């Protein structure tokens, strides 16, 4: 019995041949397509978003109404290289200095309106 088992193990299976494709491997093409989609969705989208933010910060001007990343609303009094002075309270004339990078967005007339019921 042991002899029969050894004979079965000693026999090699019949060689199998795989058909060869004349062109590039389809798996390789799929990998390239996935990388292309990844590039356009992730890398190019982030680059575009950074450029829009840089344009926003470069175009800040006096009397623009802005919102900071902390949610503070104010009107720009002075714009310097890296700083912005905001007037946050009209009645007490309170002014606060922020870094330009802390400005999240410029507020237009319709941005903070309450929704109609």
C-alpha atoms as a PDB file:
ATOM      1  CA  UNK A   1       0.000   0.000   0.000  1.00  0.00           C
ATOM      2  CA  UNK A   2       2.846   2.305   0.835  1.00  0.00           C
ATOM      3  CA  UNK A   3       4.412   1.419  -2.504  1.00  0.00           C
ATOM      4  CA  UNK A   4       1.244   2.435  -4.378  1.00  0.00           C
ATOM      5  CA  UNK A   5       1.042   5.749  -2.529  1.00  0.00           C
ATOM      6  CA  UNK A   6       4.696   6.488  -3.341  1.00  0.00           C
ATOM      7  CA  UNK A   7       4.072   5.694  -7.005  1.00  0.00           C
ATOM      8  CA  UNK A   8       1.125   8.121  -7.101  1.00  0.00           C
ATOM      9  CA  UNK A   9       3.220  10.899  -5.582  1.00  0.00           C
ATOM     10  CA  UNK A  10       6.102  10.221  -7.962  1.00  0.00           C
ATOM     11  CA  UNK A  11       3.937  10.624 -11.036  1.00  0.00           C
ATOM     12  CA  UNK A  12       4.028  14.138 -12.298  1.00  0.00           C
ATOM     13  CA  UNK A  13       0.839  15.750 -13.564  1.00  0.00           C
ATOM     14  CA  UNK A  14       0.456  16.347 -17.258  1.00  0.00           C
ATOM     15  CA  UNK A  15       1.926  19.676 -18.269  1.00  0.00           C
ATOM     16  CA  UNK A  16      -0.677  22.331 -18.911  1.00  0.00           C
ATOM     17  CA  UNK A  17      -0.170  25.013 -21.456  1.00  0.00           C
ATOM     18  CA  UNK A  18      -1.686  28.430 -21.081  1.00  0.00           C
ATOM     19  CA  UNK A  19      -2.720  30.277 -24.174  1.00  0.00           C
ATOM     20  CA  UNK A  20      -0.596  33.325 -24.750  1.00  0.00           C
ATOM     21  CA  UNK A  21      -2.244  36.553 -25.715  1.00  0.00           C
ATOM     22  CA  UNK A  22      -0.764  38.449 -28.619  1.00  0.00           C
ATOM     23  CA  UNK A  23      -1.029  41.846 -26.879  1.00  0.00           C
ATOM     24  CA  UNK A  24      -0.315  43.250 -23.411  1.00  0.00           C
ATOM     25  CA  UNK A  25      -1.688  41.570 -20.343  1.00  0.00           C
ATOM     26  CA  UNK A  26      -5.317  42.679 -19.690  1.00  0.00           C
ATOM     27  CA  UNK A  27      -4.564  42.877 -15.972  1.00  0.00           C
ATOM     28  CA  UNK A  28      -1.792  45.388 -16.689  1.00  0.00           C
ATOM     29  CA  UNK A  29      -4.174  47.534 -18.759  1.00  0.00           C
ATOM     30  CA  UNK A  30      -6.715  47.473 -15.915  1.00  0.00           C
ATOM     31  CA  UNK A  31      -4.035  48.620 -13.489  1.00  0.00           C
ATOM     32  CA  UNK A  32      -3.166  51.560 -15.737  1.00  0.00           C
ATOM     33  CA  UNK A  33      -6.847  52.544 -16.031  1.00  0.00           C
ATOM     34  CA  UNK A  34      -7.274  52.399 -12.230  1.00  0.00           C
ATOM     35  CA  UNK A  35      -4.208  54.595 -11.736  1.00  0.00           C
ATOM     36  CA  UNK A  36      -5.552  57.113 -14.254  1.00  0.00           C
ATOM     37  CA  UNK A  37      -8.886  57.334 -12.442  1.00  0.00           C
ATOM     38  CA  UNK A  38      -7.084  57.685  -9.096  1.00  0.00           C
ATOM     39  CA  UNK A  39      -4.980  60.549 -10.492  1.00  0.00           C
ATOM     40  CA  UNK A  40      -7.935  62.530 -11.807  1.00  0.00           C
ATOM     41  CA  UNK A  41     -10.096  62.040  -8.726  1.00  0.00           C
ATOM     42  CA  UNK A  42      -7.574  62.459  -5.920  1.00  0.00           C
ATOM     43  CA  UNK A  43      -4.477  64.315  -7.041  1.00  0.00           C
ATOM     44  CA  UNK A  44      -5.938  66.674  -9.627  1.00  0.00           C
ATOM     45  CA  UNK A  45      -8.961  67.481  -7.440  1.00  0.00           C
ATOM     46  CA  UNK A  46      -6.757  68.459  -4.487  1.00  0.00           C
ATOM     47  CA  UNK A  47      -4.543  70.592  -6.695  1.00  0.00           C
ATOM     48  CA  UNK A  48      -7.568  72.454  -8.073  1.00  0.00           C
ATOM     49  CA  UNK A  49      -8.969  72.983  -4.566  1.00  0.00           C
ATOM     50  CA  UNK A  50      -5.638  74.396  -3.316  1.00  0.00           C
ATOM     51  CA  UNK A  51      -5.469  76.782  -6.247  1.00  0.00           C
ATOM     52  CA  UNK A  52      -9.012  78.048  -5.588  1.00  0.00           C
ATOM     53  CA  UNK A  53      -8.135  78.636  -1.926  1.00  0.00           C
ATOM     54  CA  UNK A  54      -4.951  80.514  -2.878  1.00  0.00           C
ATOM     55  CA  UNK A  55      -6.990  82.731  -5.223  1.00  0.00           C
ATOM     56  CA  UNK A  56      -9.500  83.405  -2.433  1.00  0.00           C
ATOM     57  CA  UNK A  57      -6.764  84.480  -0.010  1.00  0.00           C
ATOM     58  CA  UNK A  58      -4.987  86.605  -2.628  1.00  0.00           C
ATOM     59  CA  UNK A  59      -8.193  88.464  -3.515  1.00  0.00           C
ATOM     60  CA  UNK A  60      -9.181  89.468   0.029  1.00  0.00           C
ATOM     61  CA  UNK A  61      -9.969  93.171   0.166  1.00  0.00           C
ATOM     62  CA  UNK A  62     -11.103  95.812   2.628  1.00  0.00           C
ATOM     63  CA  UNK A  63     -14.840  95.686   3.507  1.00  0.00           C
ATOM     64  CA  UNK A  64     -15.208  92.003   2.480  1.00  0.00           C
ATOM     65  CA  UNK A  65     -17.413  90.050   4.877  1.00  0.00           C
ATOM     66  CA  UNK A  66     -15.630  86.785   5.783  1.00  0.00           C
ATOM     67  CA  UNK A  67     -15.958  83.718   7.980  1.00  0.00           C
ATOM     68  CA  UNK A  68     -12.928  82.252   9.768  1.00  0.00           C
ATOM     69  CA  UNK A  69     -12.264  78.541  10.208  1.00  0.00           C
ATOM     70  CA  UNK A  70     -13.533  78.943  13.779  1.00  0.00           C
ATOM     71  CA  UNK A  71     -16.867  80.296  12.557  1.00  0.00           C
ATOM     72  CA  UNK A  72     -16.250  83.938  13.526  1.00  0.00           C
ATOM     73  CA  UNK A  73     -17.883  86.441  11.179  1.00  0.00           C
ATOM     74  CA  UNK A  74     -16.345  89.822  10.523  1.00  0.00           C
ATOM     75  CA  UNK A  75     -15.605  92.576   8.057  1.00  0.00           C
ATOM     76  CA  UNK A  76     -12.053  93.100   6.816  1.00  0.00           C
ATOM     77  CA  UNK A  77     -10.512  96.379   7.979  1.00  0.00           C
ATOM     78  CA  UNK A  78      -6.893  95.837   6.923  1.00  0.00           C
ATOM     79  CA  UNK A  79      -5.126  93.248   4.757  1.00  0.00           C
ATOM     80  CA  UNK A  80      -1.379  92.717   5.197  1.00  0.00           C
ATOM     81  CA  UNK A  81       0.993  90.097   3.779  1.00  0.00           C
ATOM     82  CA  UNK A  82       0.078  87.286   6.182  1.00  0.00           C
ATOM     83  CA  UNK A  83      -2.482  88.981   8.457  1.00  0.00           C
ATOM     84  CA  UNK A  84      -6.033  90.232   8.235  1.00  0.00           C
ATOM     85  CA  UNK A  85      -7.678  92.591  10.747  1.00  0.00           C
ATOM     86  CA  UNK A  86     -11.410  91.918  11.157  1.00  0.00           C
ATOM     87  CA  UNK A  87     -14.026  94.120  12.775  1.00  0.00           C
ATOM     88  CA  UNK A  88     -16.249  91.650  14.613  1.00  0.00           C
ATOM     89  CA  UNK A  89     -18.566  94.008  16.514  1.00  0.00           C
ATOM     90  CA  UNK A  90     -19.915  97.296  15.170  1.00  0.00           C
ATOM     91  CA  UNK A  91     -21.225  98.650  18.478  1.00  0.00           C
ATOM     92  CA  UNK A  92     -17.945  98.318  20.428  1.00  0.00           C
ATOM     93  CA  UNK A  93     -15.683  98.590  17.370  1.00  0.00           C
ATOM     94  CA  UNK A  94     -13.929  95.338  18.341  1.00  0.00           C
ATOM     95  CA  UNK A  95     -11.110  94.359  15.969  1.00  0.00           C
ATOM     96  CA  UNK A  96      -9.272  91.051  15.916  1.00  0.00           C
ATOM     97  CA  UNK A  97      -6.142  90.104  13.949  1.00  0.00           C
ATOM     98  CA  UNK A  98      -6.033  86.731  12.174  1.00  0.00           C
ATOM     99  CA  UNK A  99      -3.651  84.954   9.856  1.00  0.00           C
ATOM    100  CA  UNK A 100      -4.810  84.998   6.252  1.00  0.00           C
ATOM    101  CA  UNK A 101      -4.841  81.213   6.246  1.00  0.00           C
ATOM    102  CA  UNK A 102      -7.561  81.214   8.918  1.00  0.00           C
ATOM    103  CA  UNK A 103     -10.099  82.760   6.521  1.00  0.00           C
ATOM    104  CA  UNK A 104     -12.409  80.014   5.314  1.00  0.00           C
ATOM    105  CA  UNK A 105     -14.634  81.884   2.883  1.00  0.00           C
ATOM    106  CA  UNK A 106     -15.923  85.244   1.741  1.00  0.00           C
ATOM    107  CA  UNK A 107     -19.591  85.732   2.553  1.00  0.00           C
ATOM    108  CA  UNK A 108     -21.954  87.150  -0.041  1.00  0.00           C
ATOM    109  CA  UNK A 109     -25.425  88.530   0.588  1.00  0.00           C
ATOM    110  CA  UNK A 110     -27.304  85.233   0.116  1.00  0.00           C
ATOM    111  CA  UNK A 111     -24.890  82.938   1.997  1.00  0.00           C
ATOM    112  CA  UNK A 112     -26.170  83.390   5.545  1.00  0.00           C
ATOM    113  CA  UNK A 113     -29.832  84.053   4.881  1.00  0.00           C
ATOM    114  CA  UNK A 114     -32.277  81.949   6.860  1.00  0.00           C
ATOM    115  CA  UNK A 115     -34.161  79.330   4.838  1.00  0.00           C
ATOM    116  CA  UNK A 116     -37.763  80.135   4.027  1.00  0.00           C
ATOM    117  CA  UNK A 117     -40.469  77.941   5.534  1.00  0.00           C
END
